[in-house]
Amino acid sequence: MAKTKSKSKTRPKMKPTKRAAKRAPALQYIPWHTIPLEDLNPLLQRQFVVGQEIMLARVLLKKGCIVPLHSHHNEQLTYVLEGALKFWIDGKEIVVNAGETLCIPAHMPHKAEALADTVDLDVFNPPRADWINKTDQYLRGQK
């Protein structure tokens, strides 16, 4: 059998795409006590951590705190650590107690009230640009 020499093909060097040109995601270890509490109004404080495509917020609400009716393009997952939140959402009233979770689809209007002093974790995808840029006026300076 005769051996044939295979032609060696060299691939042209490709320019990195915009996606490939992005910095690689960095590992983050961030204890909550190292993040300053942001006072939004007398009854509402928060802290948050932002990843590549996700955000985790720790929200502290005093009893009676109202989060006014709003919606956003971000999917939201709320997990109540302590206390209870009453939501007005999708034509229903839903009470979410400590140890319970509520998954809110993007663009769904919702309002909440703290029924007790409450600590919750909110996860957003994508991250809330209005929170990062501090343009979330619906939360600031209200009861």
Protein backbone atom coordinates (compact mmCIF):
# COMPACT_ATOMS: atom_id res chain seq x y z
CA MET A 1 0.00 0.00 0.00
CA ALA A 2 1.29 3.36 -0.93
CA LYS A 3 1.22 5.98 1.71
CA THR A 4 0.03 9.34 0.61
CA LYS A 5 1.19 12.43 2.26
CA SER A 6 -1.66 14.37 3.73
CA LYS A 7 -1.61 18.02 3.13
CA SER A 8 -1.24 19.84 6.38
CA LYS A 9 -3.93 22.38 6.82
CA THR A 10 -3.19 25.32 9.00
CA ARG A 11 -6.08 27.18 10.46
CA PRO A 12 -6.00 30.91 10.10
CA LYS A 13 -5.70 32.69 13.42
CA MET A 14 -9.07 34.08 14.37
CA LYS A 15 -9.65 37.31 16.19
CA PRO A 16 -11.32 36.83 19.58
CA THR A 17 -15.04 37.45 19.54
CA LYS A 18 -16.55 40.05 21.83
CA ARG A 19 -17.69 37.26 24.13
CA ALA A 20 -14.22 35.72 24.28
CA ALA A 21 -12.65 39.14 24.78
CA LYS A 22 -14.55 39.64 28.07
CA ARG A 23 -12.64 39.11 31.26
CA ALA A 24 -13.04 35.72 32.81
CA PRO A 25 -15.47 35.67 35.74
CA ALA A 26 -13.74 36.18 39.05
CA LEU A 27 -14.41 34.13 42.14
CA GLN A 28 -15.89 36.28 44.88
CA TYR A 29 -16.02 35.49 48.60
CA ILE A 30 -17.86 38.27 50.38
CA PRO A 31 -19.05 38.07 54.00
CA TRP A 32 -22.22 40.16 54.52
CA HIS A 33 -20.60 42.08 57.40
CA THR A 34 -18.09 43.57 54.91
CA ILE A 35 -20.85 45.17 52.79
CA PRO A 36 -22.24 48.44 54.15
CA LEU A 37 -25.99 48.56 54.74
CA GLU A 38 -27.67 50.96 52.33
CA ASP A 39 -30.46 52.96 54.00
CA LEU A 40 -33.24 53.41 51.42
CA ASN A 41 -35.81 54.83 53.83
CA PRO A 42 -36.40 54.64 57.60
CA LEU A 43 -37.91 51.13 57.31
CA LEU A 44 -35.77 49.61 54.55
CA GLN A 45 -32.11 48.65 54.22
CA ARG A 46 -30.23 46.38 51.83
CA GLN A 47 -26.89 44.94 50.78
CA PHE A 48 -26.11 43.17 47.54
CA VAL A 49 -23.48 41.23 45.64
CA VAL A 50 -23.34 41.25 41.85
CA GLY A 51 -21.98 38.42 39.71
CA GLN A 52 -21.67 38.11 35.94
CA GLU A 53 -25.38 37.50 35.30
CA ILE A 54 -26.92 37.26 38.75
CA MET A 55 -27.42 39.39 41.85
CA LEU A 56 -28.05 38.41 45.48
CA ALA A 57 -29.54 41.00 47.82
CA ARG A 58 -30.04 40.85 51.58
CA VAL A 59 -33.03 43.06 52.40
CA LEU A 60 -33.99 44.20 55.90
CA LEU A 61 -37.54 45.51 56.33
CA LYS A 62 -39.07 46.86 59.54
CA LYS A 63 -42.67 45.90 60.32
CA GLY A 64 -45.02 48.00 58.20
CA CYS A 65 -42.49 48.70 55.45
CA ILE A 66 -44.18 48.90 52.05
CA VAL A 67 -42.42 48.06 48.80
CA PRO A 68 -44.63 49.94 46.29
CA LEU A 69 -46.14 48.29 43.23
CA HIS A 70 -43.46 47.88 40.57
CA SER A 71 -42.22 45.49 37.91
CA HIS A 72 -38.89 44.84 36.22
CA HIS A 73 -37.44 42.78 33.41
CA ASN A 74 -35.51 40.70 35.95
CA GLU A 75 -36.68 37.32 37.19
CA GLN A 76 -36.79 37.40 41.00
CA LEU A 77 -36.56 34.70 43.62
CA THR A 78 -37.34 35.80 47.20
CA TYR A 79 -36.43 33.65 50.22
CA VAL A 80 -37.58 34.91 53.64
CA LEU A 81 -35.02 34.18 56.37
CA GLU A 82 -36.87 35.87 59.25
CA GLY A 83 -40.30 37.48 59.57
CA ALA A 84 -42.99 37.52 56.87
CA LEU A 85 -43.85 39.43 53.71
CA LYS A 86 -47.32 39.88 52.23
CA PHE A 87 -47.24 40.19 48.43
CA TRP A 88 -49.94 41.54 46.14
CA ILE A 89 -49.16 39.81 42.88
CA ASP A 90 -51.03 38.39 39.89
CA GLY A 91 -54.41 39.28 41.47
CA LYS A 92 -53.57 37.38 44.68
CA GLU A 93 -52.39 38.12 48.20
CA ILE A 94 -49.61 35.73 49.19
CA VAL A 95 -47.94 35.65 52.61
CA VAL A 96 -44.37 34.35 52.49
CA ASN A 97 -43.12 33.29 55.92
CA ALA A 98 -39.62 32.48 57.18
CA GLY A 99 -38.29 29.44 55.34
CA GLU A 100 -40.53 30.00 52.30
CA THR A 101 -39.76 31.13 48.76
CA LEU A 102 -41.59 33.07 46.05
CA CYS A 103 -40.49 33.00 42.39
CA ILE A 104 -41.62 36.11 40.50
CA PRO A 105 -41.44 36.01 36.69
CA ALA A 106 -40.01 38.97 34.77
CA HIS A 107 -42.41 41.87 34.09
CA MET A 108 -44.97 40.75 36.72
CA PRO A 109 -46.16 43.74 38.80
CA HIS A 110 -45.89 43.17 42.56
CA LYS A 111 -46.11 45.01 45.88
CA ALA A 112 -45.05 43.83 49.34
CA GLU A 113 -45.54 44.70 53.02
CA ALA A 114 -43.45 43.50 55.96
CA LEU A 115 -45.87 41.90 58.46
CA ALA A 116 -43.03 41.73 61.02
CA ASP A 117 -39.39 42.79 61.10
CA THR A 118 -38.13 40.78 58.15
CA VAL A 119 -34.86 39.69 56.55
CA ASP A 120 -35.03 38.24 53.06
CA LEU A 121 -32.68 37.22 50.30
CA ASP A 122 -33.62 38.27 46.77
CA VAL A 123 -31.95 36.76 43.72
CA PHE A 124 -32.24 38.60 40.40
CA ASN A 125 -31.33 37.54 36.90
CA PRO A 126 -30.03 39.66 35.29
CA PRO A 127 -28.73 41.97 38.03
CA ARG A 128 -30.88 45.02 38.82
CA ALA A 129 -29.19 47.94 37.04
CA ASP A 130 -31.50 50.41 38.83
CA TRP A 131 -30.24 49.14 42.20
CA ILE A 132 -26.60 49.22 41.13
CA ASN A 133 -26.97 52.75 39.69
CA LYS A 134 -29.16 53.92 42.62
CA THR A 135 -31.98 55.02 40.29
CA ASP A 136 -34.62 52.95 42.14
CA GLN A 137 -36.65 55.96 43.31
CA TYR A 138 -39.71 53.82 44.08
CA LEU A 139 -37.83 52.51 47.17
CA ARG A 140 -36.14 55.68 48.37
CA GLY A 141 -37.58 58.01 50.98
CA GLN A 142 -40.91 56.23 51.33
CA LYS A 143 -42.46 54.44 54.29
